[in-house]
Amino acid sequence: MIFEIVTTTIFGAISLKAYLSKNGGGDDSKKINKIFSLAGLNVKDGNNTLTAQQIKKKSYDWGTEYRYRIPLGRSFEDYLAKQKAIEAGLNTKSMVIELKDLKDIKFDRNFIKSFKKIYTKKLTNKKEVEMVYDGLLKIRVYDKPMPIKIEWTNEMLKQDWSVILGFNRTEAFYHDFDKRKHLIIAGATGFGKSVTMKSIIVSLVLSKPNDVTFSLIDLKGGSAFARFKKLKQVINFGVNPNEAREILKEVKIKMENDYKKIVDEGFEDVTEANIPKRHFIVIDEAADIMDDKDTIDILTDIVRKGRGAGYYVIYATQYPSSQAIPMQIKRNIPARLCFVLDSATASMTALDKSGAENLPEIPGRGIYKNVGHNIIQTPYITNSLIDELLKPYMIKKEVLDSETVERKTRENSFIIKETRLS
């Protein structure tokens, strides 16, 4: 019986190899070219039809990267707009089993069961597509999908001013606030924006409990940041535009005083001056303060000068537009994290390029723009875990009277006199 199975498998493999060689199985090149044609990406030039010219194909552990030269008359945005069509076309279910799929099969009594398992996996696996452009169109076809959920753990913490933002298939992505200073976070409701902001706050408190302070402005009425209100590290908390304006005024005064001391001592920034303290201004639904020119002017000054004084802004909105993210803010915050958005226009505003509209509707899936653009899965942290982790840093008293507030502010404010500059 085993001899028959082995013989059948060998001859089947030989036939399969001939079939793959003839039909290009295991190589999506022909399928991609067909999709280009059906999706209207080819260009008519008289009697000629111009299509993307494949320059190179390279295999990796994660899948295959195809490189194309785009024909005249087409742009990267044209192909990016068809990303979902390309991905759907590549996921058309196929009956083809490749030789590499059989390499781990043992020719024993469980052969049929093992073969059926491979067959079932082949039909249910979903390839994912990522597209980038650097003079050539690169289409990366991943054999396995990115994890759809990654739990936050203490192992993700670092002891500097870097916080975990997410993971792709091969590496972790940290945002180092001492290098990139500020961060814009955009994305539709329910796809990870608030979770990521909470993750950042938790990471900073656990990593730098004695050196970090916060001004939290939650313009959704306080729902996102309410659990942080009693943190020892939180010195300002606001829930409406008027409170936001007053908080930002106070922060600006402290920032300018600290910045002047740094400059007067001949230093460029807090890092060079060896100052340990950092203050984070976290604003959720920042679009709600856009109609107040005075508030925006104050915030712009903080963003512009804060990088030197150790005052870092996390600016979040679910409706990115030229009104919600003014140019003067964008110009000073090149680092972005963007979740699913409803249009290429919104993506262009948030990332300076389209792409966020093509993200799968998976909570936590986003694009991190730093030096390049990387699709990542951000870690998920539960509210119950947040409460457990931050419990040692909470002020015990249920109601904070004015004396407690004053002491809390005095103890936790960003005080430069505690440093070498005093």
Protein backbone atom coordinates (compact mmCIF):
# COMPACT_ATOMS: atom_id res chain seq x y z
CA MET A 1 0.00 0.00 0.00
CA ILE A 2 2.80 2.40 0.95
CA PHE A 3 4.67 1.49 -2.26
CA GLU A 4 1.59 2.41 -4.29
CA ILE A 5 1.27 5.74 -2.50
CA VAL A 6 4.93 6.55 -3.02
CA THR A 7 4.79 5.55 -6.69
CA THR A 8 1.63 7.54 -7.28
CA THR A 9 3.09 10.57 -5.50
CA ILE A 10 6.33 10.48 -7.49
CA PHE A 11 4.54 10.27 -10.82
CA GLY A 12 2.06 12.86 -9.64
CA ALA A 13 4.90 15.19 -8.68
CA ILE A 14 6.51 14.75 -12.09
CA SER A 15 3.22 15.55 -13.80
CA LEU A 16 2.66 18.47 -11.42
CA LYS A 17 6.09 19.88 -12.19
CA ALA A 18 5.37 19.71 -15.91
CA TYR A 19 1.99 21.40 -15.34
CA LEU A 20 3.57 24.18 -13.24
CA SER A 21 6.28 24.73 -15.84
CA LYS A 22 3.71 25.00 -18.58
CA ASN A 23 1.20 27.14 -16.71
CA GLY A 24 3.45 29.26 -14.49
CA GLY A 25 2.00 27.90 -11.27
CA GLY A 26 3.63 29.31 -8.14
CA ASP A 27 4.35 32.52 -10.05
CA ASP A 28 1.74 35.27 -9.98
CA SER A 29 3.34 37.26 -12.82
CA LYS A 30 0.86 36.21 -15.49
CA LYS A 31 -2.07 36.67 -13.17
CA ILE A 32 -0.88 40.18 -12.20
CA ASN A 33 -0.47 41.15 -15.87
CA LYS A 34 -3.98 39.87 -16.57
CA ILE A 35 -5.37 41.89 -13.67
CA PHE A 36 -3.57 44.99 -14.97
CA SER A 37 -5.37 44.55 -18.28
CA LEU A 38 -8.81 43.82 -16.83
CA ALA A 39 -8.50 46.69 -14.33
CA GLY A 40 -7.86 49.20 -17.14
CA LEU A 41 -4.25 49.93 -16.23
CA ASN A 42 -2.84 49.35 -19.70
CA VAL A 43 -2.33 52.35 -21.99
CA LYS A 44 -3.33 52.54 -25.66
CA ASP A 45 -0.72 54.21 -27.87
CA GLY A 46 -2.08 54.12 -31.40
CA ASN A 47 -2.19 50.47 -32.36
CA ASN A 48 0.06 49.51 -29.46
CA THR A 49 -0.94 48.58 -25.93
CA LEU A 50 1.53 49.57 -23.22
CA THR A 51 1.54 47.67 -19.96
CA ALA A 52 3.75 47.60 -16.89
CA GLN A 53 7.03 45.89 -17.76
CA GLN A 54 8.25 43.35 -15.24
CA ILE A 55 11.91 44.06 -14.42
CA LYS A 56 12.58 41.61 -11.63
CA LYS A 57 10.98 38.98 -9.46
CA LYS A 58 12.52 37.99 -6.13
CA SER A 59 11.41 35.34 -3.65
CA TYR A 60 11.57 35.79 0.12
CA ASP A 61 10.54 33.72 3.13
CA TRP A 62 7.37 35.78 3.33
CA GLY A 63 6.43 35.63 -0.37
CA THR A 64 7.44 37.33 -3.61
CA GLU A 65 8.24 40.86 -4.71
CA TYR A 66 7.54 41.85 -8.31
CA ARG A 67 9.13 44.99 -9.75
CA TYR A 68 7.63 46.82 -12.71
CA ARG A 69 8.41 49.81 -14.86
CA ILE A 70 5.20 51.83 -15.16
CA PRO A 71 4.21 52.82 -18.74
CA LEU A 72 3.95 56.45 -19.78
CA GLY A 73 0.52 57.82 -18.97
CA ARG A 74 0.21 55.94 -15.67
CA SER A 75 1.21 56.92 -12.13
CA PHE A 76 1.77 54.97 -8.93
CA GLU A 77 -1.55 56.31 -7.65
CA ASP A 78 -3.34 54.60 -10.58
CA TYR A 79 -2.02 51.23 -9.44
CA LEU A 80 -2.54 51.96 -5.77
CA ALA A 81 -6.21 52.70 -6.50
CA LYS A 82 -6.51 49.16 -7.90
CA GLN A 83 -4.76 47.46 -4.99
CA LYS A 84 -7.91 45.77 -3.74
CA ALA A 85 -8.67 44.46 -7.23
CA ILE A 86 -5.14 43.06 -7.52
CA GLU A 87 -5.35 41.41 -4.12
CA ALA A 88 -8.77 39.95 -4.87
CA GLY A 89 -7.55 38.60 -8.21
CA LEU A 90 -4.53 36.92 -6.62
CA ASN A 91 -6.80 35.28 -4.06
CA THR A 92 -8.95 33.55 -6.67
CA LYS A 93 -9.06 30.03 -5.30
CA SER A 94 -6.80 27.59 -7.10
CA MET A 95 -6.66 23.80 -7.10
CA VAL A 96 -2.89 23.77 -7.83
CA ILE A 97 -0.67 22.13 -5.21
CA GLU A 98 3.00 23.06 -5.61
CA LEU A 99 6.03 20.81 -5.08
CA LYS A 100 7.16 22.87 -2.11
CA ASP A 101 3.82 22.15 -0.42
CA LEU A 102 4.65 18.43 -0.43
CA LYS A 103 8.16 18.59 1.00
CA ASP A 104 7.14 17.83 4.61
CA ILE A 105 4.65 15.06 3.83
CA LYS A 106 5.52 11.66 5.25
CA PHE A 107 4.58 8.71 3.08
CA ASP A 108 2.82 6.71 5.76
CA ARG A 109 -0.73 5.74 6.63
CA ASN A 110 -1.56 9.38 7.39
CA PHE A 111 -0.54 10.55 3.93
CA ILE A 112 -4.09 11.12 2.67
CA LYS A 113 -5.00 13.10 5.79
CA SER A 114 -1.81 15.23 5.46
CA PHE A 115 -2.45 15.84 1.77
CA LYS A 116 -6.04 16.88 2.49
CA LYS A 117 -4.81 19.29 5.17
CA ILE A 118 -2.47 20.97 2.68
CA TYR A 119 -5.27 21.13 0.12
CA THR A 120 -7.65 22.76 2.61
CA LYS A 121 -4.99 25.25 3.73
CA LYS A 122 -4.28 26.11 0.11
CA LEU A 123 -7.91 27.01 -0.46
CA THR A 124 -8.27 29.09 2.70
CA ASN A 125 -4.94 30.95 2.83
CA LYS A 126 -5.31 34.57 1.85
CA LYS A 127 -2.47 36.41 0.16
CA GLU A 128 -1.97 40.06 1.04
CA VAL A 129 -0.59 42.71 -1.29
CA GLU A 130 1.54 45.73 -0.44
CA MET A 131 2.57 48.31 -3.04
CA VAL A 132 5.41 50.83 -2.89
CA TYR A 133 7.13 53.03 -5.45
CA ASP A 134 10.76 54.18 -5.61
CA GLY A 135 11.14 54.71 -9.34
CA LEU A 136 9.84 51.18 -9.89
CA LEU A 137 6.46 49.81 -8.88
CA LYS A 138 7.02 47.11 -6.27
CA ILE A 139 4.20 44.67 -5.64
CA ARG A 140 4.86 42.53 -2.58
CA VAL A 141 2.70 39.42 -2.44
CA TYR A 142 2.70 37.88 1.04
CA ASP A 143 1.87 34.19 1.25
CA LYS A 144 0.37 34.53 4.72
CA PRO A 145 -1.70 37.38 6.14
CA MET A 146 -0.34 39.65 8.86
CA PRO A 147 -1.64 38.80 12.36
CA ILE A 148 -4.96 40.51 12.95
CA LYS A 149 -4.43 40.95 16.68
CA ILE A 150 -1.30 41.37 18.80
CA GLU A 151 -1.67 41.62 22.56
CA TRP A 152 0.31 44.34 24.35
CA THR A 153 2.91 43.00 26.80
CA ASN A 154 5.53 44.43 29.16
CA GLU A 155 8.22 42.99 26.91
CA MET A 156 7.41 45.77 24.43
CA LEU A 157 8.66 48.45 26.83
CA LYS A 158 11.96 50.30 26.37
CA GLN A 159 13.85 52.40 28.87
CA ASP A 160 14.29 55.44 26.62
CA TRP A 161 11.66 57.66 24.99
CA SER A 162 10.72 55.06 22.39
CA VAL A 163 7.24 53.52 22.39
CA ILE A 164 6.00 50.52 20.46
CA LEU A 165 3.68 51.39 17.59
CA GLY A 166 3.35 48.02 15.91
CA PHE A 167 4.75 45.09 13.99
CA ASN A 168 4.90 43.91 10.42
CA ARG A 169 5.82 40.35 9.47
CA THR A 170 9.52 40.71 10.27
CA GLU A 171 10.17 43.58 12.70
CA ALA A 172 8.88 45.85 15.44
CA PHE A 173 8.38 49.57 14.88
CA TYR A 174 9.10 52.00 17.70
CA HIS A 175 8.58 55.75 17.65
CA ASP A 176 11.44 57.54 19.41
CA PHE A 177 10.07 60.88 20.59
CA ASP A 178 13.55 62.25 21.28
CA LYS A 179 14.36 61.77 17.58
CA ARG A 180 11.00 62.37 15.89
CA LYS A 181 9.47 64.58 18.63
CA HIS A 182 5.76 64.75 17.72
CA LEU A 183 3.25 62.36 16.17
CA ILE A 184 0.00 62.73 14.21
CA ILE A 185 -2.49 59.87 14.55
CA ALA A 186 -5.47 59.65 12.19
CA GLY A 187 -8.12 57.06 11.48
CA ALA A 188 -11.80 56.27 11.41
CA THR A 189 -13.59 55.39 14.64
CA GLY A 190 -13.10 51.85 15.86
CA PHE A 191 -9.85 51.02 14.06
CA GLY A 192 -7.24 51.63 16.75
CA LYS A 193 -6.60 55.34 17.22
CA SER A 194 -7.73 55.57 20.85
CA VAL A 195 -6.20 52.21 21.79
CA THR A 196 -2.84 53.33 20.40
CA MET A 197 -2.91 56.61 22.33
CA LYS A 198 -3.68 54.72 25.53
CA SER A 199 -0.88 52.26 24.75
CA ILE A 200 1.57 55.16 24.30
CA ILE A 201 0.54 56.77 27.61
CA VAL A 202 0.87 53.46 29.47
CA SER A 203 4.28 52.75 27.90
CA LEU A 204 5.64 56.18 28.86
CA VAL A 205 4.38 55.96 32.45
CA LEU A 206 5.83 52.48 32.98
CA SER A 207 9.14 53.31 31.30
CA LYS A 208 9.68 56.79 32.76
CA PRO A 209 7.40 57.19 35.79
CA ASN A 210 9.55 59.88 37.43
CA ASP A 211 10.38 61.86 34.31
CA VAL A 212 7.19 62.01 32.24
CA THR A 213 4.20 64.33 32.69
CA PHE A 214 1.09 64.84 30.59
CA SER A 215 -1.47 67.39 29.53
CA LEU A 216 -4.40 65.34 28.28
CA ILE A 217 -7.05 67.02 26.14
CA ASP A 218 -9.95 64.72 25.27
CA LEU A 219 -12.41 66.63 23.11
CA LYS A 220 -14.81 63.70 22.98
CA GLY A 221 -15.91 64.70 26.47
CA GLY A 222 -13.26 62.78 28.37
CA SER A 223 -14.26 59.22 27.47
CA ALA A 224 -10.92 58.18 25.97
CA PHE A 225 -8.66 59.51 28.75
CA ALA A 226 -10.93 59.40 31.82
CA ARG A 227 -9.03 56.50 33.38
CA PHE A 228 -5.82 58.56 33.35
CA LYS A 229 -7.26 61.59 35.12
CA LYS A 230 -5.94 60.60 38.57
CA LEU A 231 -2.49 59.63 37.39
CA LYS A 232 0.27 61.37 39.32
CA GLN A 233 1.89 62.17 35.98
CA VAL A 234 -1.18 64.00 34.62
CA ILE A 235 -0.96 67.67 35.52
CA ASN A 236 -3.62 69.02 33.11
CA PHE A 237 -6.87 67.45 31.96
CA GLY A 238 -9.39 69.11 29.63
CA VAL A 239 -12.55 67.97 27.85
CA ASN A 240 -13.71 70.98 25.79
CA PRO A 241 -12.21 73.69 23.55
CA ASN A 242 -12.19 76.34 26.29
CA GLU A 243 -10.28 74.09 28.68
CA ALA A 244 -7.96 73.14 25.83
CA ARG A 245 -7.11 76.79 25.19
CA GLU A 246 -6.28 77.45 28.86
CA ILE A 247 -4.18 74.29 29.15
CA LEU A 248 -2.21 75.12 26.01
CA LYS A 249 -1.62 78.68 27.24
CA GLU A 250 -0.19 77.35 30.49
CA VAL A 251 1.96 74.77 28.69
CA LYS A 252 3.30 77.40 26.29
CA ILE A 253 4.42 79.68 29.13
CA LYS A 254 6.28 76.82 30.86
CA MET A 255 7.74 75.64 27.57
CA GLU A 256 9.10 79.09 26.66
CA ASN A 257 10.68 79.51 30.08
CA ASP A 258 12.34 76.11 29.85
CA TYR A 259 13.43 76.68 26.27
CA LYS A 260 15.02 80.03 27.17
CA LYS A 261 17.03 78.44 29.97
CA ILE A 262 18.28 75.74 27.62
CA VAL A 263 19.33 78.25 24.96
CA ASP A 264 20.87 80.62 27.51
CA GLU A 265 23.11 77.81 28.69
CA GLY A 266 24.31 77.27 25.12
CA PHE A 267 22.47 74.03 24.43
CA GLU A 268 20.38 73.13 21.41
CA ASP A 269 17.81 70.91 23.10
CA VAL A 270 16.98 68.86 26.19
CA THR A 271 18.95 65.88 24.95
CA GLU A 272 22.18 67.85 24.63
CA ALA A 273 21.49 69.54 27.97
CA ASN A 274 21.02 66.12 29.59
CA ILE A 275 17.61 67.08 30.97
CA PRO A 276 15.61 63.97 31.97
CA LYS A 277 12.08 65.44 32.01
CA ARG A 278 9.61 65.32 29.11
CA HIS A 279 6.08 66.67 28.87
CA PHE A 280 3.52 65.20 26.46
CA ILE A 281 0.49 67.10 25.17
CA VAL A 282 -2.00 64.51 23.91
CA ILE A 283 -5.01 65.86 22.02
CA ASP A 284 -7.83 63.57 20.90
CA GLU A 285 -10.28 64.86 18.27
CA ALA A 286 -8.11 67.91 17.66
CA ALA A 287 -10.39 69.03 14.82
CA ASP A 288 -12.70 70.47 17.49
CA ILE A 289 -10.27 73.31 18.23
CA MET A 290 -9.60 74.25 14.61
CA ASP A 291 -12.09 77.12 14.60
CA ASP A 292 -10.21 78.88 17.41
CA LYS A 293 -7.33 80.72 15.74
CA ASP A 294 -5.74 81.72 19.06
CA THR A 295 -5.67 78.11 20.22
CA ILE A 296 -4.14 76.94 16.94
CA ASP A 297 -1.50 79.67 17.09
CA ILE A 298 -0.56 78.58 20.61
CA LEU A 299 -0.43 74.92 19.59
CA THR A 300 1.70 75.77 16.55
CA ASP A 301 4.23 77.53 18.80
CA ILE A 302 4.35 74.50 21.08
CA VAL A 303 4.90 72.15 18.13
CA ARG A 304 7.60 74.42 16.69
CA LYS A 305 9.56 75.17 19.88
CA GLY A 306 8.58 72.18 21.95
CA ARG A 307 10.97 69.85 20.16
CA GLY A 308 13.90 71.66 21.75
CA ALA A 309 12.36 72.04 25.21
CA GLY A 310 11.14 68.46 25.57
CA TYR A 311 7.45 69.22 25.02
CA TYR A 312 6.06 66.65 22.59
CA VAL A 313 2.64 66.70 20.93
CA ILE A 314 0.47 63.72 19.97
CA TYR A 315 -2.22 65.11 17.71
CA ALA A 316 -5.14 62.82 16.84
CA THR A 317 -8.18 63.18 14.59
CA GLN A 318 -10.67 60.85 12.97
CA TYR A 319 -11.50 63.29 10.15
CA PRO A 320 -8.19 64.34 8.56
CA SER A 321 -8.67 67.33 6.28
CA SER A 322 -6.82 70.56 5.55
CA GLN A 323 -9.01 72.17 8.24
CA ALA A 324 -8.51 69.40 10.81
CA ILE A 325 -4.73 69.26 10.31
CA PRO A 326 -3.53 72.76 9.39
CA MET A 327 -0.44 73.05 7.22
CA GLN A 328 1.59 74.72 9.97
CA ILE A 329 0.96 71.69 12.20
CA LYS A 330 1.73 69.15 9.46
CA ARG A 331 4.93 70.92 8.47
CA ASN A 332 6.33 70.45 11.96
CA ILE A 333 5.11 66.87 12.50
CA PRO A 334 6.47 64.61 9.75
CA ALA A 335 5.82 61.38 11.69
CA ARG A 336 2.32 59.96 11.16
CA LEU A 337 0.33 56.86 12.10
CA CYS A 338 -2.77 56.35 10.03
CA PHE A 339 -5.52 53.75 10.33
CA VAL A 340 -8.33 53.05 7.87
CA LEU A 341 -9.73 56.16 6.16
CA ASP A 342 -12.67 56.52 3.80
CA SER A 343 -10.95 58.23 0.88
CA ALA A 344 -7.67 58.81 -0.90
CA THR A 345 -8.10 62.53 -0.17
CA ALA A 346 -8.15 61.90 3.58
CA SER A 347 -5.11 59.64 3.23
CA MET A 348 -3.24 62.34 1.28
CA THR A 349 -3.94 64.80 4.09
CA ALA A 350 -2.80 62.46 6.85
CA LEU A 351 0.12 60.71 5.12
CA ASP A 352 0.92 62.96 2.15
CA LYS A 353 0.09 59.95 -0.02
CA SER A 354 -2.85 57.68 -0.70
CA GLY A 355 -3.03 54.17 0.73
CA ALA A 356 -4.95 54.38 4.02
CA GLU A 357 -8.21 54.00 2.07
CA ASN A 358 -6.96 50.59 0.85
CA LEU A 359 -6.13 49.20 4.28
CA PRO A 360 -8.17 46.13 5.25
CA GLU A 361 -10.88 46.91 7.78
CA ILE A 362 -8.98 45.26 10.61
CA PRO A 363 -8.78 47.08 13.96
CA GLY A 364 -5.17 48.01 14.64
CA ARG A 365 -3.99 47.82 11.03
CA GLY A 366 -2.27 51.06 10.07
CA ILE A 367 0.45 52.79 8.10
CA TYR A 368 3.38 54.27 10.01
CA LYS A 369 5.14 57.06 8.16
CA ASN A 370 8.57 57.86 9.51
CA VAL A 371 11.47 57.67 7.08
CA GLY A 372 9.38 55.38 4.89
CA HIS A 373 5.82 54.04 4.91
CA ASN A 374 5.23 50.69 6.62
CA ILE A 375 2.01 48.76 7.11
CA ILE A 376 1.89 47.53 10.70
CA GLN A 377 -0.42 45.86 13.19
CA THR A 378 -0.58 47.93 16.37
CA PRO A 379 -0.76 46.11 19.72
CA TYR A 380 -4.04 45.89 21.58
CA ILE A 381 -4.23 46.74 25.27
CA THR A 382 -7.40 46.22 27.30
CA ASN A 383 -8.80 48.78 29.72
CA SER A 384 -8.64 46.24 32.54
CA LEU A 385 -4.91 45.71 31.92
CA ILE A 386 -4.36 49.48 31.82
CA ASP A 387 -6.07 49.86 35.19
CA GLU A 388 -3.98 47.05 36.68
CA LEU A 389 -0.67 48.38 35.35
CA LEU A 390 -1.27 51.99 36.37
CA LYS A 391 -2.77 51.34 39.78
CA PRO A 392 0.51 52.08 41.63
CA TYR A 393 0.67 55.52 39.98
CA MET A 394 -2.84 56.68 40.85
CA ILE A 395 -3.59 59.34 43.46
CA LYS A 396 -5.61 57.57 46.14
CA LYS A 397 -7.94 60.38 47.13
CA GLU A 398 -11.28 60.18 45.32
CA VAL A 399 -11.88 63.93 45.24
CA LEU A 400 -8.96 66.24 44.59
CA ASP A 401 -9.24 69.49 46.55
CA SER A 402 -7.36 72.62 45.47
CA GLU A 403 -4.45 71.94 47.87
CA THR A 404 -3.96 68.44 46.44
CA VAL A 405 -4.10 69.74 42.89
CA GLU A 406 -1.51 72.42 43.71
CA ARG A 407 0.82 69.88 45.32
CA LYS A 408 0.34 67.45 42.45
CA THR A 409 1.21 70.15 39.92
CA ARG A 410 4.23 71.30 41.92
CA GLU A 411 5.59 67.76 42.28
CA ASN A 412 5.00 66.64 38.72
CA SER A 413 5.47 69.74 36.61
CA PHE A 414 8.24 69.90 34.05
CA ILE A 415 10.76 71.70 36.33
CA ILE A 416 14.05 72.58 34.74
CA LYS A 417 15.56 73.77 38.02
CA GLU A 418 15.99 70.12 39.03
CA THR A 419 18.54 69.72 36.26
CA ARG A 420 22.12 70.83 35.69
CA LEU A 421 20.81 74.16 34.34
CA SER A 422 19.77 75.44 37.76
